[in-house]
Each structure stands twice: as C-alpha cells, then as structure tokens.
Amino acid sequence: MAGIEKYGQILLESFLGFSAYLYREVLHPHWTNFVYWLLALSLFCWSLEILFPWRKEQALFRQDFWLDAFYMVFNFFLFSLIGYNALSDVGVEAFRDLLATVGIRHLVIWDIADWPVWARLLTLFVVRDFVQWNIHRLLHRVGWLWQFHKVHHSVEEMGFAAHFRYHPMETVFYRTLEYIPLAMIGFGLTDFFIVHLFTLAIGHLNHTNVYLPLGRLTYLLANPQTHMWHHAKELPRPAHGVNFGLTLNLWDYLFGTGHFPKEDRQVTLGFDGVETFPRRFWSQLRYPFTKLRRWHQVAERQTIRVNGTTAGPDVYKPT
C-alpha cells in the first residue's frame, strides 16, 4: 500500500510541477526557457523558407502547415501536461525500485561530470545521437512501430513545421529506449538542455524548405537535401529506408544506410498509400491503434490448428 501511495504522490507532484513549470516558462523568459527557444528556432527556419525557398512553387502556408503547428503545441507541451510527464516520473521511480531489489542503487557507470564542458557536451551528443539513430531504424523495420511512424512520413510537402508531426507514442518509444544508456552517463541538466536544443535546431533545419548543401560535411551532418531522401516515397534502393540520422549522417555512412547523391533533385514524399492516410489530427493519432487492431483480428481469423497446436501468422508486414 505504501508503494502505491508513493507512486500516487509522485504522479500528483509531477503533474502539478509540470503545470507550474509551463506557466513559469510562458510568463518569465530566461536563457534556458524552452518555450521561447522553440518559438525562436521555428521563426528563424520559417524566415529562411520565406527568403530562400528551395521549392519555389510551394506555398508559404504549405499543405498541412497548421496541422503541423498544432502538433508542435501538442507534442511539446499538451502531451506532457495531460499525463506523460507524470507517468514517466512514476516509471523511472518504479524502475529504480526494481533495481534496488537486486542491489543496484544507481546506473551511472561513466561519470563525466568533472570533464571539461566541451567534452561532456560532445560525449552526450554522440551517445544520444547514436541511440536515437538505432531507435529510428527500429521505427522503420518493426511493423507495429512503423504504423506509428507513418504519421511523420505522411508529410507530402516539406517545411520546418513537418519536424513536429509525429505520433506522441514516438516520444514514449524514444525516451524509454534512451533511458538506460543515457542514465549510465553522469551529466547535468544544463548539459542535456544545450544538447537537446542543438539537435532540435538541426531537426528543424533538416525539414526546412531551403537548399543547404554541405559538400563533404554531408557525410557527417544531416541537412535538408539528405533528409529529403529519408522521406522519399520511392526509396532509392530496396530497403526499409535510408538516412536515419537525426543530426549526424555519420552512422548511415558507417553502417551502409546512407544515400548521398551528388545531384540534389527533389523527389515525391510520403509512402505507398499516403493518399488515403487520415488528414485530421485525431484521426492520425487513432490510425496506428486502428491498424494494429484490424491486423490482430485478421491474424486471429487466419489462425489454424497444426498438429494439435495453435499456429498463425507470426510476421507482420507493414503497409
């Protein structure tokens, strides 16, 4: 009972704490104010699109611009406000309690707190980006995860706000799988804020409708031209996708998932069947669950008896 009361208290305090945090962020600007940094980065990237558009025929308020703007508000703020932040705090505490039962009091095995600032930031950035690259590949290779990631790939006209269009469950996947490797590194909240802000800025630029060739640096850093191929409707070769790097192209270059053609021609974006994909916010949020439920129902109907045991389709092919 005491454990339930403890988790309930964490849930309540986390919910109230995030509400108060959001209230302070909006009313009291400061240099680590995420709300205004996000707004500033968005306005900067949008200004680049206005002044130096790559696809000049694309409208200033491109297709689904306002939908993606709402995704920004929902994914960065409302999703946490309605419970994600509180539930994640409960999950972290429950995981720590589980570790304590086997004698593990903390996960830090690589304490970098005393390192020079540049070394801490570089280490955190590289480790986090490599973990995220692997998670991103999973979103494309695992059928049921792909159903959630389809929301992001339903973008058919690229612009900075397309960076915001992703199913909120992706936040759960990323944060859950990131937790252990990042928890093993001792770093401060300021370090994490700086790295997160830098990667957020690159993510914005990757989706921005600007021409930003990097020459040989393309093999290191992601940019709008290489990320465009990640969103291509027709993949350059049979695969689950290319250019998975969120900030670095380095991992794709090293592990053979990169596609960096010299010509920067524009391609059709989306996936097979994107024309029939839901266009409204709530319909897109329901889509993965509806798709998976239908697949499960089909799988149950196809289940057959083989030698007295139940057998059915064990491979899910994403569509």
Foldseek 3Di string as FASTA:
>chain_A
DVLVVVLVVLLVCQLVVLVVVVVCLVVPDDPLRPVVLVVVLQVVLLVCCVVAFQPVVADSCGPCNVVLVVLQCCQPRVVVNVGPRSVVSSVVVVVCVVVVVVPDNFQAPAECAPPPLVVLLVVLLVQLQVQQLVLLVCCLVAALSVQQALQLLLDFQFALSSLSGGASVVVVSSCVSSPNVNRRYHDDPVSVSVSVSVLSSLLSQLRHRHDDDDVPCVLFFHGVQQVQQQFAQDHPDPDSGAQSGSTTNNVCNVVVRGDDDPDRDHHGGHYVPSVVQDDHDVSSNCRSVVVVVVVVVVQVVQWDADPNDIDTDPGDDHD
